Amino acid sequence: MIFGRLFLLPGVQQILAYRKSRIIQIPDEIVYLSNQIGVEIKKLRIAEGLCNAYVIGGAIVLGKNLLEKLNLAEILAVIAHELAHKKGKHIPLRLVIMIPFLALAMYSWSRLYSPIFFTESFTQIVLTVMVNIGLLAFMLVTMIVPNWILEFKADRTAAKFAGKENIKSALLKLVDKENYEEPSETHPSVSERIKRIDKLQICT
């Protein structure tokens, strides 16, 4: 995933990378960028074996592999993207957006007819599994549009404070060619993101 996968909570991989990461002094360029955007960074951590970036609390985590692929201007663009998520409170916003969808899904499940399969206890297990799978699939699908909108907003912030060409080149360096046109449930495709960035009218 290009930049942090933010849906409900940071993924297991991100949590493990955070715990194994090391703290380094925050460079002046990053301090200046965070002040410009209006987000305080308390810690900067470097994670081995990670080609990604994300924010947890007041700390920003940069994968060492990401740092090796990008130049300074591109790194700042990625950081600006992640700081935009934090400033916009995108994780709490996603949770708020999810509430009506979740309520609708749970109400729909409660109205379904529940036949008995073999025994009542076995039926309860089957229905629990079905409900959990159904809710997960439902939430992933319904959150695609809100997730993509928030990613576009973060890209706009990165373009404004770190330069359109820098966020574009960072995206191109971090995506595999075969995944260039592939979106996910949390992120639009890189090709679509670059098209949107090209169309931005940035006022400095």
N, C-alpha and C. Protein backbone atom coordinates (compact mmCIF):
# COMPACT_ATOMS: atom_id res chain seq x y z
N MET A 1 0.83 -1.18 0.00
CA MET A 1 0.00 0.00 0.00
C MET A 1 0.87 1.23 0.00
N ILE A 2 0.51 2.23 -0.82
CA ILE A 2 1.30 3.44 -0.93
C ILE A 2 0.84 4.44 0.12
N PHE A 3 1.71 4.69 1.08
CA PHE A 3 1.48 5.51 2.25
C PHE A 3 0.59 4.72 3.21
N GLY A 4 0.27 5.33 4.35
CA GLY A 4 -0.38 4.55 5.40
C GLY A 4 -1.73 4.01 5.02
N ARG A 5 -1.97 2.75 5.36
CA ARG A 5 -3.29 2.15 5.17
C ARG A 5 -4.12 2.52 6.39
N LEU A 6 -4.98 3.53 6.25
CA LEU A 6 -5.79 3.98 7.36
C LEU A 6 -7.24 3.61 7.11
N PHE A 7 -7.75 2.72 7.94
CA PHE A 7 -9.16 2.33 7.80
C PHE A 7 -9.83 2.46 9.15
N LEU A 8 -9.62 1.51 10.04
CA LEU A 8 -10.10 1.64 11.39
C LEU A 8 -8.95 1.97 12.33
N LEU A 9 -7.98 1.09 12.36
CA LEU A 9 -6.80 1.27 13.18
C LEU A 9 -5.61 0.90 12.33
N PRO A 10 -4.41 1.36 12.71
CA PRO A 10 -3.24 0.94 11.96
C PRO A 10 -3.16 -0.57 11.91
N GLY A 11 -2.74 -1.11 10.77
CA GLY A 11 -2.66 -2.55 10.60
C GLY A 11 -1.63 -3.18 11.50
N VAL A 12 -1.70 -4.50 11.61
CA VAL A 12 -0.77 -5.25 12.45
C VAL A 12 0.67 -5.00 12.02
N GLN A 13 0.90 -4.98 10.71
CA GLN A 13 2.25 -4.74 10.21
C GLN A 13 2.76 -3.38 10.66
N GLN A 14 1.93 -2.38 10.64
CA GLN A 14 2.33 -1.05 11.05
C GLN A 14 2.64 -0.99 12.55
N ILE A 15 1.82 -1.67 13.34
CA ILE A 15 2.06 -1.68 14.79
C ILE A 15 3.38 -2.37 15.11
N LEU A 16 3.63 -3.51 14.47
CA LEU A 16 4.89 -4.22 14.70
C LEU A 16 6.08 -3.40 14.24
N ALA A 17 5.94 -2.74 13.09
CA ALA A 17 7.02 -1.89 12.59
C ALA A 17 7.28 -0.74 13.54
N TYR A 18 6.23 -0.18 14.09
CA TYR A 18 6.37 0.93 15.03
C TYR A 18 7.14 0.48 16.28
N ARG A 19 6.81 -0.66 16.80
CA ARG A 19 7.45 -1.16 18.02
C ARG A 19 8.93 -1.45 17.80
N LYS A 20 9.28 -1.83 16.57
CA LYS A 20 10.67 -2.17 16.27
C LYS A 20 11.46 -0.97 15.73
N SER A 21 10.78 0.13 15.49
CA SER A 21 11.44 1.28 14.87
C SER A 21 12.34 2.00 15.88
N ARG A 22 13.24 2.81 15.36
CA ARG A 22 14.14 3.59 16.20
C ARG A 22 13.86 5.08 16.03
N ILE A 23 14.02 5.80 17.10
CA ILE A 23 13.76 7.24 17.09
C ILE A 23 15.01 7.98 16.61
N ILE A 24 14.82 8.95 15.73
CA ILE A 24 15.92 9.80 15.29
C ILE A 24 15.52 11.26 15.48
N GLN A 25 16.50 12.13 15.43
CA GLN A 25 16.22 13.55 15.56
C GLN A 25 15.44 14.04 14.34
N ILE A 26 14.49 14.90 14.57
CA ILE A 26 13.65 15.41 13.48
C ILE A 26 14.43 16.48 12.73
N PRO A 27 14.67 16.27 11.43
CA PRO A 27 15.39 17.28 10.63
C PRO A 27 14.63 18.60 10.56
N ASP A 28 15.36 19.68 10.37
CA ASP A 28 14.75 21.01 10.31
C ASP A 28 13.72 21.11 9.19
N GLU A 29 13.98 20.42 8.06
CA GLU A 29 13.06 20.48 6.93
C GLU A 29 11.68 19.92 7.30
N ILE A 30 11.68 18.87 8.09
CA ILE A 30 10.42 18.26 8.50
C ILE A 30 9.72 19.13 9.55
N VAL A 31 10.49 19.71 10.44
CA VAL A 31 9.91 20.62 11.44
C VAL A 31 9.24 21.80 10.74
N TYR A 32 9.94 22.36 9.76
CA TYR A 32 9.38 23.50 9.02
C TYR A 32 8.10 23.10 8.28
N LEU A 33 8.12 21.93 7.64
CA LEU A 33 6.95 21.45 6.91
C LEU A 33 5.76 21.25 7.85
N SER A 34 5.99 20.62 8.97
CA SER A 34 4.89 20.36 9.92
C SER A 34 4.33 21.66 10.47
N ASN A 35 5.20 22.66 10.67
CA ASN A 35 4.72 23.97 11.13
C ASN A 35 3.87 24.65 10.06
N GLN A 36 4.27 24.51 8.81
CA GLN A 36 3.52 25.09 7.70
C GLN A 36 2.13 24.49 7.60
N ILE A 37 2.06 23.17 7.78
CA ILE A 37 0.77 22.47 7.68
C ILE A 37 -0.06 22.67 8.95
N GLY A 38 0.62 22.88 10.06
CA GLY A 38 -0.08 23.09 11.32
C GLY A 38 -0.28 21.83 12.13
N VAL A 39 0.67 20.90 12.02
CA VAL A 39 0.60 19.64 12.77
C VAL A 39 1.92 19.45 13.53
N GLU A 40 1.82 19.16 14.80
CA GLU A 40 3.02 18.97 15.60
C GLU A 40 3.51 17.52 15.49
N ILE A 41 4.79 17.35 15.23
CA ILE A 41 5.42 16.03 15.24
C ILE A 41 6.30 15.94 16.48
N LYS A 42 6.00 14.98 17.34
CA LYS A 42 6.77 14.82 18.57
C LYS A 42 7.95 13.88 18.39
N LYS A 43 7.77 12.88 17.50
CA LYS A 43 8.83 11.91 17.28
C LYS A 43 8.90 11.54 15.81
N LEU A 44 10.11 11.21 15.37
CA LEU A 44 10.32 10.66 14.03
C LEU A 44 10.99 9.32 14.21
N ARG A 45 10.36 8.28 13.64
CA ARG A 45 10.87 6.93 13.82
C ARG A 45 11.16 6.31 12.45
N ILE A 46 12.22 5.52 12.40
CA ILE A 46 12.61 4.82 11.18
C ILE A 46 12.42 3.33 11.40
N ALA A 47 11.68 2.68 10.47
CA ALA A 47 11.37 1.25 10.59
C ALA A 47 12.10 0.48 9.51
N GLU A 48 12.80 -0.56 9.91
CA GLU A 48 13.51 -1.43 8.97
C GLU A 48 12.51 -2.27 8.18
N GLY A 49 12.86 -2.56 6.93
CA GLY A 49 12.08 -3.47 6.11
C GLY A 49 10.70 -2.97 5.75
N LEU A 50 10.50 -1.66 5.78
CA LEU A 50 9.19 -1.09 5.48
C LEU A 50 9.33 -0.06 4.37
N CYS A 51 8.44 -0.12 3.39
CA CYS A 51 8.44 0.88 2.31
C CYS A 51 7.12 1.63 2.37
N ASN A 52 6.94 2.36 3.44
CA ASN A 52 5.67 3.03 3.68
C ASN A 52 5.89 4.17 4.66
N ALA A 53 4.86 4.94 4.92
CA ALA A 53 4.91 6.02 5.90
C ALA A 53 3.53 6.15 6.52
N TYR A 54 3.48 6.46 7.81
CA TYR A 54 2.20 6.65 8.48
C TYR A 54 2.42 7.38 9.79
N VAL A 55 1.34 7.89 10.34
CA VAL A 55 1.38 8.63 11.60
C VAL A 55 0.64 7.83 12.66
N ILE A 56 1.26 7.70 13.82
CA ILE A 56 0.59 7.10 14.99
C ILE A 56 0.75 8.08 16.14
N GLY A 57 -0.38 8.61 16.61
CA GLY A 57 -0.30 9.60 17.68
C GLY A 57 0.48 10.81 17.21
N GLY A 58 1.50 11.17 17.98
CA GLY A 58 2.34 12.31 17.61
C GLY A 58 3.61 11.92 16.90
N ALA A 59 3.71 10.66 16.49
CA ALA A 59 4.92 10.16 15.83
C ALA A 59 4.66 9.85 14.37
N ILE A 60 5.61 10.17 13.54
CA ILE A 60 5.55 9.77 12.14
C ILE A 60 6.58 8.68 11.92
N VAL A 61 6.17 7.62 11.26
CA VAL A 61 7.04 6.46 11.00
C VAL A 61 7.36 6.42 9.52
N LEU A 62 8.64 6.36 9.21
CA LEU A 62 9.10 6.26 7.83
C LEU A 62 9.83 4.94 7.65
N GLY A 63 9.46 4.19 6.63
CA GLY A 63 10.16 2.95 6.34
C GLY A 63 11.53 3.23 5.74
N LYS A 64 12.51 2.46 6.14
CA LYS A 64 13.87 2.66 5.62
C LYS A 64 13.91 2.43 4.12
N ASN A 65 13.15 1.45 3.64
CA ASN A 65 13.11 1.18 2.20
C ASN A 65 12.55 2.37 1.43
N LEU A 66 11.57 3.05 2.03
CA LEU A 66 11.02 4.24 1.40
C LEU A 66 12.08 5.34 1.31
N LEU A 67 12.84 5.51 2.38
CA LEU A 67 13.87 6.55 2.39
C LEU A 67 14.95 6.28 1.36
N GLU A 68 15.21 5.01 1.09
CA GLU A 68 16.24 4.65 0.11
C GLU A 68 15.78 4.89 -1.33
N LYS A 69 14.46 4.89 -1.54
CA LYS A 69 13.93 5.06 -2.90
C LYS A 69 13.71 6.51 -3.29
N LEU A 70 13.46 7.37 -2.30
CA LEU A 70 13.05 8.74 -2.58
C LEU A 70 14.14 9.75 -2.24
N ASN A 71 14.09 10.89 -2.93
CA ASN A 71 14.97 11.98 -2.55
C ASN A 71 14.29 12.82 -1.47
N LEU A 72 14.96 13.84 -0.97
CA LEU A 72 14.44 14.61 0.16
C LEU A 72 13.11 15.28 -0.17
N ALA A 73 13.01 15.87 -1.35
CA ALA A 73 11.78 16.57 -1.73
C ALA A 73 10.60 15.60 -1.79
N GLU A 74 10.84 14.39 -2.27
CA GLU A 74 9.78 13.39 -2.36
C GLU A 74 9.40 12.87 -0.98
N ILE A 75 10.39 12.71 -0.11
CA ILE A 75 10.11 12.29 1.27
C ILE A 75 9.24 13.32 1.97
N LEU A 76 9.56 14.58 1.77
CA LEU A 76 8.75 15.64 2.38
C LEU A 76 7.32 15.63 1.83
N ALA A 77 7.17 15.29 0.57
CA ALA A 77 5.83 15.20 -0.02
C ALA A 77 5.02 14.07 0.63
N VAL A 78 5.67 12.94 0.85
CA VAL A 78 5.00 11.81 1.52
C VAL A 78 4.62 12.19 2.95
N ILE A 79 5.54 12.86 3.64
CA ILE A 79 5.25 13.29 5.01
C ILE A 79 4.09 14.27 5.04
N ALA A 80 4.06 15.19 4.08
CA ALA A 80 2.96 16.15 4.00
C ALA A 80 1.62 15.44 3.81
N HIS A 81 1.63 14.39 2.99
CA HIS A 81 0.41 13.59 2.79
C HIS A 81 -0.06 12.99 4.11
N GLU A 82 0.87 12.42 4.86
CA GLU A 82 0.49 11.79 6.13
C GLU A 82 0.07 12.82 7.17
N LEU A 83 0.72 13.97 7.19
CA LEU A 83 0.34 15.01 8.13
C LEU A 83 -1.05 15.55 7.82
N ALA A 84 -1.42 15.53 6.54
CA ALA A 84 -2.77 15.95 6.15
C ALA A 84 -3.81 15.03 6.76
N HIS A 85 -3.53 13.73 6.80
CA HIS A 85 -4.45 12.79 7.44
C HIS A 85 -4.63 13.14 8.92
N LYS A 86 -3.52 13.47 9.57
CA LYS A 86 -3.59 13.78 11.00
C LYS A 86 -4.32 15.10 11.24
N LYS A 87 -3.98 16.12 10.47
CA LYS A 87 -4.63 17.42 10.66
C LYS A 87 -6.13 17.33 10.39
N GLY A 88 -6.50 16.58 9.38
CA GLY A 88 -7.91 16.43 9.04
C GLY A 88 -8.66 15.44 9.91
N LYS A 89 -7.95 14.82 10.87
CA LYS A 89 -8.56 13.82 11.76
C LYS A 89 -9.30 12.76 10.94
N HIS A 90 -8.62 12.22 9.95
CA HIS A 90 -9.26 11.32 9.01
C HIS A 90 -9.65 9.98 9.63
N ILE A 91 -8.90 9.50 10.61
CA ILE A 91 -9.30 8.23 11.24
C ILE A 91 -10.60 8.41 12.03
N PRO A 92 -10.71 9.41 12.93
CA PRO A 92 -12.01 9.61 13.60
C PRO A 92 -13.14 9.90 12.61
N LEU A 93 -12.82 10.63 11.54
CA LEU A 93 -13.84 10.93 10.54
C LEU A 93 -14.34 9.66 9.88
N ARG A 94 -13.44 8.73 9.58
CA ARG A 94 -13.85 7.46 9.00
C ARG A 94 -14.78 6.70 9.94
N LEU A 95 -14.46 6.74 11.22
CA LEU A 95 -15.31 6.04 12.20
C LEU A 95 -16.71 6.65 12.23
N VAL A 96 -16.78 7.97 12.19
CA VAL A 96 -18.08 8.65 12.19
C VAL A 96 -18.88 8.28 10.95
N ILE A 97 -18.21 8.26 9.80
CA ILE A 97 -18.89 7.91 8.54
C ILE A 97 -19.41 6.48 8.58
N MET A 98 -18.66 5.59 9.26
CA MET A 98 -19.03 4.18 9.29
C MET A 98 -20.27 3.90 10.11
N ILE A 99 -20.57 4.74 11.11
CA ILE A 99 -21.65 4.44 12.06
C ILE A 99 -22.99 4.19 11.37
N PRO A 100 -23.47 5.08 10.49
CA PRO A 100 -24.78 4.80 9.86
C PRO A 100 -24.76 3.56 8.97
N PHE A 101 -23.63 3.33 8.27
CA PHE A 101 -23.54 2.13 7.44
C PHE A 101 -23.58 0.88 8.30
N LEU A 102 -22.87 0.92 9.43
CA LEU A 102 -22.85 -0.24 10.33
C LEU A 102 -24.22 -0.48 10.94
N ALA A 103 -24.89 0.61 11.32
CA ALA A 103 -26.23 0.48 11.91
C ALA A 103 -27.20 -0.12 10.89
N LEU A 104 -27.11 0.33 9.64
CA LEU A 104 -27.97 -0.21 8.59
C LEU A 104 -27.72 -1.69 8.37
N ALA A 105 -26.44 -2.06 8.34
CA ALA A 105 -26.10 -3.47 8.12
C ALA A 105 -26.61 -4.35 9.26
N MET A 106 -26.42 -3.90 10.50
CA MET A 106 -26.86 -4.69 11.65
C MET A 106 -28.38 -4.80 11.69
N TYR A 107 -29.07 -3.72 11.34
CA TYR A 107 -30.54 -3.77 11.31
C TYR A 107 -31.01 -4.76 10.25
N SER A 108 -30.37 -4.73 9.08
CA SER A 108 -30.75 -5.64 8.00
C SER A 108 -30.56 -7.09 8.42
N TRP A 109 -29.43 -7.37 9.06
CA TRP A 109 -29.18 -8.75 9.52
C TRP A 109 -30.21 -9.18 10.55
N SER A 110 -30.61 -8.26 11.42
CA SER A 110 -31.57 -8.61 12.48
C SER A 110 -32.95 -8.95 11.93
N ARG A 111 -33.26 -8.46 10.74
CA ARG A 111 -34.57 -8.70 10.14
C ARG A 111 -34.61 -9.96 9.29
N LEU A 112 -33.45 -10.58 9.08
CA LEU A 112 -33.42 -11.78 8.26
C LEU A 112 -33.99 -12.98 9.00
N TYR A 113 -34.63 -13.85 8.26
CA TYR A 113 -35.14 -15.09 8.83
C TYR A 113 -33.97 -16.02 9.13
N SER A 114 -33.96 -16.63 10.30
CA SER A 114 -32.83 -17.47 10.73
C SER A 114 -33.29 -18.92 10.90
N PRO A 115 -33.13 -19.77 9.91
CA PRO A 115 -33.50 -21.18 10.05
C PRO A 115 -32.56 -21.91 10.99
N ILE A 116 -33.01 -23.02 11.52
CA ILE A 116 -32.18 -23.82 12.42
C ILE A 116 -31.45 -24.88 11.61
N PHE A 117 -30.12 -24.89 11.70
CA PHE A 117 -29.31 -25.90 11.02
C PHE A 117 -28.86 -26.94 12.04
N PHE A 118 -29.42 -28.14 12.00
CA PHE A 118 -29.04 -29.24 12.87
C PHE A 118 -29.37 -28.94 14.33
N THR A 119 -28.62 -28.06 14.96
CA THR A 119 -28.88 -27.71 16.35
C THR A 119 -28.85 -26.19 16.50
N GLU A 120 -29.40 -25.71 17.59
CA GLU A 120 -29.43 -24.26 17.81
C GLU A 120 -28.04 -23.68 18.00
N SER A 121 -27.17 -24.41 18.73
CA SER A 121 -25.82 -23.91 18.96
C SER A 121 -25.01 -23.86 17.66
N PHE A 122 -25.18 -24.88 16.81
CA PHE A 122 -24.49 -24.88 15.52
C PHE A 122 -24.99 -23.74 14.65
N THR A 123 -26.30 -23.50 14.69
CA THR A 123 -26.88 -22.40 13.93
C THR A 123 -26.30 -21.07 14.38
N GLN A 124 -26.12 -20.91 15.69
CA GLN A 124 -25.57 -19.66 16.22
C GLN A 124 -24.14 -19.44 15.70
N ILE A 125 -23.36 -20.50 15.64
CA ILE A 125 -21.99 -20.39 15.14
C ILE A 125 -22.00 -20.00 13.66
N VAL A 126 -22.84 -20.68 12.88
CA VAL A 126 -22.92 -20.40 11.45
C VAL A 126 -23.33 -18.95 11.21
N LEU A 127 -24.37 -18.50 11.91
CA LEU A 127 -24.85 -17.14 11.72
C LEU A 127 -23.83 -16.10 12.16
N THR A 128 -23.10 -16.39 13.25
CA THR A 128 -22.08 -15.46 13.71
C THR A 128 -20.99 -15.28 12.67
N VAL A 129 -20.55 -16.40 12.11
CA VAL A 129 -19.53 -16.33 11.05
C VAL A 129 -20.05 -15.57 9.84
N MET A 130 -21.29 -15.89 9.43
CA MET A 130 -21.87 -15.23 8.27
C MET A 130 -22.02 -13.72 8.48
N VAL A 131 -22.48 -13.34 9.68
CA VAL A 131 -22.66 -11.93 9.99
C VAL A 131 -21.33 -11.19 9.97
N ASN A 132 -20.31 -11.78 10.59
CA ASN A 132 -19.00 -11.12 10.64
C ASN A 132 -18.41 -10.94 9.24
N ILE A 133 -18.51 -11.99 8.43
CA ILE A 133 -17.99 -11.89 7.06
C ILE A 133 -18.80 -10.87 6.26
N GLY A 134 -20.11 -10.93 6.41
CA GLY A 134 -20.97 -10.00 5.69
C GLY A 134 -20.73 -8.55 6.09
N LEU A 135 -20.60 -8.30 7.39
CA LEU A 135 -20.36 -6.94 7.86
C LEU A 135 -19.02 -6.41 7.36
N LEU A 136 -18.00 -7.25 7.41
CA LEU A 136 -16.68 -6.84 6.93
C LEU A 136 -16.73 -6.47 5.46
N ALA A 137 -17.35 -7.34 4.66
CA ALA A 137 -17.45 -7.07 3.23
C ALA A 137 -18.27 -5.81 2.98
N PHE A 138 -19.36 -5.67 3.72
CA PHE A 138 -20.22 -4.49 3.55
C PHE A 138 -19.47 -3.21 3.88
N MET A 139 -18.71 -3.21 4.99
CA MET A 139 -17.98 -2.01 5.40
C MET A 139 -16.87 -1.67 4.43
N LEU A 140 -16.19 -2.69 3.92
CA LEU A 140 -15.11 -2.44 2.96
C LEU A 140 -15.66 -1.77 1.71
N VAL A 141 -16.80 -2.26 1.24
CA VAL A 141 -17.38 -1.71 0.00
C VAL A 141 -17.92 -0.30 0.23
N THR A 142 -18.66 -0.10 1.32
CA THR A 142 -19.28 1.20 1.54
C THR A 142 -18.27 2.28 1.90
N MET A 143 -17.09 1.90 2.40
CA MET A 143 -16.09 2.88 2.79
C MET A 143 -15.12 3.22 1.66
N ILE A 144 -15.26 2.58 0.51
CA ILE A 144 -14.33 2.85 -0.58
C ILE A 144 -14.36 4.33 -0.98
N VAL A 145 -15.53 4.86 -1.24
CA VAL A 145 -15.63 6.26 -1.69
C VAL A 145 -15.11 7.24 -0.63
N PRO A 146 -15.55 7.14 0.65
CA PRO A 146 -14.98 8.04 1.65
C PRO A 146 -13.45 7.92 1.78
N ASN A 147 -12.95 6.69 1.73
CA ASN A 147 -11.49 6.49 1.83
C ASN A 147 -10.77 7.19 0.69
N TRP A 148 -11.28 7.03 -0.51
CA TRP A 148 -10.63 7.64 -1.68
C TRP A 148 -10.68 9.16 -1.61
N ILE A 149 -11.80 9.70 -1.18
CA ILE A 149 -11.92 11.16 -1.06
C ILE A 149 -10.87 11.71 -0.10
N LEU A 150 -10.68 11.03 1.03
CA LEU A 150 -9.70 11.49 2.02
C LEU A 150 -8.28 11.36 1.48
N GLU A 151 -8.01 10.34 0.68
CA GLU A 151 -6.68 10.22 0.06
C GLU A 151 -6.44 11.35 -0.94
N PHE A 152 -7.45 11.70 -1.72
CA PHE A 152 -7.31 12.81 -2.65
C PHE A 152 -7.05 14.12 -1.90
N LYS A 153 -7.73 14.31 -0.77
CA LYS A 153 -7.54 15.51 0.03
C LYS A 153 -6.11 15.57 0.57
N ALA A 154 -5.59 14.43 1.03
CA ALA A 154 -4.21 14.39 1.54
C ALA A 154 -3.21 14.66 0.42
N ASP A 155 -3.49 14.14 -0.77
CA ASP A 155 -2.63 14.42 -1.92
C ASP A 155 -2.62 15.91 -2.25
N ARG A 156 -3.76 16.55 -2.12
CA ARG A 156 -3.84 17.99 -2.39
C ARG A 156 -2.95 18.78 -1.41
N THR A 157 -3.00 18.38 -0.14
CA THR A 157 -2.15 19.04 0.86
C THR A 157 -0.68 18.83 0.54
N ALA A 158 -0.33 17.62 0.15
CA ALA A 158 1.06 17.32 -0.21
C ALA A 158 1.50 18.16 -1.40
N ALA A 159 0.62 18.28 -2.38
CA ALA A 159 0.94 19.08 -3.56
C ALA A 159 1.11 20.55 -3.20
N LYS A 160 0.29 21.05 -2.30
CA LYS A 160 0.34 22.45 -1.91
C LYS A 160 1.61 22.79 -1.15
N PHE A 161 1.99 21.94 -0.20
CA PHE A 161 3.10 22.27 0.69
C PHE A 161 4.44 21.67 0.26
N ALA A 162 4.41 20.65 -0.60
CA ALA A 162 5.67 20.01 -0.99
C ALA A 162 5.86 19.97 -2.50
N GLY A 163 4.87 20.42 -3.27
CA GLY A 163 5.02 20.48 -4.71
C GLY A 163 4.34 19.34 -5.43
N LYS A 164 3.61 19.66 -6.50
CA LYS A 164 2.89 18.66 -7.27
C LYS A 164 3.83 17.62 -7.86
N GLU A 165 4.94 18.07 -8.42
CA GLU A 165 5.85 17.14 -9.07
C GLU A 165 6.49 16.19 -8.07
N ASN A 166 6.69 16.65 -6.85
CA ASN A 166 7.34 15.81 -5.84
C ASN A 166 6.42 14.69 -5.35
N ILE A 167 5.14 15.00 -5.14
CA ILE A 167 4.22 13.94 -4.71
C ILE A 167 3.97 12.97 -5.86
N LYS A 168 3.93 13.47 -7.08
CA LYS A 168 3.75 12.59 -8.24
C LYS A 168 4.94 11.64 -8.40
N SER A 169 6.15 12.19 -8.33
CA SER A 169 7.32 11.34 -8.52
C SER A 169 7.47 10.33 -7.38
N ALA A 170 7.06 10.73 -6.16
CA ALA A 170 7.10 9.79 -5.04
C ALA A 170 6.15 8.62 -5.28
N LEU A 171 4.95 8.92 -5.74
CA LEU A 171 3.98 7.87 -6.04
C LEU A 171 4.51 6.92 -7.11
N LEU A 172 5.10 7.47 -8.15
CA LEU A 172 5.61 6.66 -9.26
C LEU A 172 6.77 5.77 -8.82
N LYS A 173 7.60 6.26 -7.94
CA LYS A 173 8.74 5.47 -7.48
C LYS A 173 8.32 4.34 -6.53
N LEU A 174 7.21 4.54 -5.84
CA LEU A 174 6.81 3.57 -4.82
C LEU A 174 5.82 2.51 -5.31
N VAL A 175 5.29 2.70 -6.51
CA VAL A 175 4.32 1.72 -7.02
C VAL A 175 4.99 0.80 -8.03
N ASP A 176 4.61 -0.47 -8.00
CA ASP A 176 5.06 -1.41 -9.03
C ASP A 176 4.27 -1.15 -10.31
N LYS A 177 4.90 -1.39 -11.44
CA LYS A 177 4.25 -1.12 -12.72
C LYS A 177 2.94 -1.87 -12.87
N GLU A 178 2.92 -3.12 -12.39
CA GLU A 178 1.70 -3.93 -12.55
C GLU A 178 0.57 -3.43 -11.65
N ASN A 179 0.89 -2.61 -10.63
CA ASN A 179 -0.14 -2.10 -9.73
C ASN A 179 -0.51 -0.64 -10.01
N TYR A 180 0.03 -0.07 -11.05
CA TYR A 180 -0.16 1.35 -11.35
C TYR A 180 -1.64 1.70 -11.54
N GLU A 181 -2.38 0.79 -12.16
CA GLU A 181 -3.79 1.04 -12.43
C GLU A 181 -4.72 0.39 -11.41
N GLU A 182 -4.15 -0.26 -10.38
CA GLU A 182 -4.96 -1.05 -9.45
C GLU A 182 -5.33 -0.25 -8.20
N PRO A 183 -6.63 -0.03 -7.97
CA PRO A 183 -7.06 0.61 -6.72
C PRO A 183 -7.22 -0.44 -5.62
N SER A 184 -7.43 0.03 -4.40
CA SER A 184 -7.74 -0.87 -3.29
C SER A 184 -8.94 -0.29 -2.54
N GLU A 185 -9.37 -0.97 -1.49
CA GLU A 185 -10.52 -0.47 -0.73
C GLU A 185 -10.17 0.80 0.04
N THR A 186 -8.88 1.07 0.25
CA THR A 186 -8.48 2.26 1.01
C THR A 186 -7.84 3.35 0.16
N HIS A 187 -7.30 2.98 -1.00
CA HIS A 187 -6.60 3.96 -1.83
C HIS A 187 -7.03 3.86 -3.29
N PRO A 188 -7.21 5.02 -3.96
CA PRO A 188 -7.42 4.99 -5.40
C PRO A 188 -6.15 4.50 -6.09
N SER A 189 -6.24 4.18 -7.37
CA SER A 189 -5.05 3.78 -8.12
C SER A 189 -4.10 4.96 -8.23
N VAL A 190 -2.81 4.66 -8.37
CA VAL A 190 -1.82 5.72 -8.52
C VAL A 190 -2.08 6.52 -9.79
N SER A 191 -2.52 5.85 -10.84
CA SER A 191 -2.81 6.56 -12.09
C SER A 191 -3.89 7.61 -11.88
N GLU A 192 -4.94 7.25 -11.12
CA GLU A 192 -6.03 8.20 -10.86
C GLU A 192 -5.55 9.33 -9.95
N ARG A 193 -4.72 9.00 -8.97
CA ARG A 193 -4.21 10.03 -8.06
C ARG A 193 -3.36 11.05 -8.82
N ILE A 194 -2.55 10.57 -9.74
CA ILE A 194 -1.70 11.47 -10.51
C ILE A 194 -2.55 12.36 -11.42
N LYS A 195 -3.60 11.79 -12.02
CA LYS A 195 -4.51 12.60 -12.85
C LYS A 195 -5.13 13.72 -12.01
N ARG A 196 -5.56 13.39 -10.81
CA ARG A 196 -6.16 14.39 -9.93
C ARG A 196 -5.14 15.46 -9.54
N ILE A 197 -3.93 15.04 -9.25
CA ILE A 197 -2.88 16.00 -8.86
C ILE A 197 -2.58 16.95 -10.01
N ASP A 198 -2.52 16.42 -11.24
CA ASP A 198 -2.25 17.27 -12.41
C ASP A 198 -3.30 18.35 -12.58
N LYS A 199 -4.54 18.06 -12.18
CA LYS A 199 -5.63 19.01 -12.38
C LYS A 199 -5.73 20.05 -11.26
N LEU A 200 -4.95 19.88 -10.19
CA LEU A 200 -5.03 20.79 -9.06
C LEU A 200 -4.57 22.19 -9.43
N GLN A 201 -5.31 23.16 -8.95
CA GLN A 201 -4.90 24.56 -9.06
C GLN A 201 -4.42 24.98 -7.68
N ILE A 202 -3.12 24.99 -7.50
CA ILE A 202 -2.53 25.26 -6.20
C ILE A 202 -2.25 26.74 -6.03
N CYS A 203 -2.82 27.32 -4.97
CA CYS A 203 -2.57 28.72 -4.64
C CYS A 203 -1.53 28.79 -3.53
N THR A 204 -0.43 29.43 -3.77
CA THR A 204 0.63 29.53 -2.76
C THR A 204 0.61 30.89 -2.08
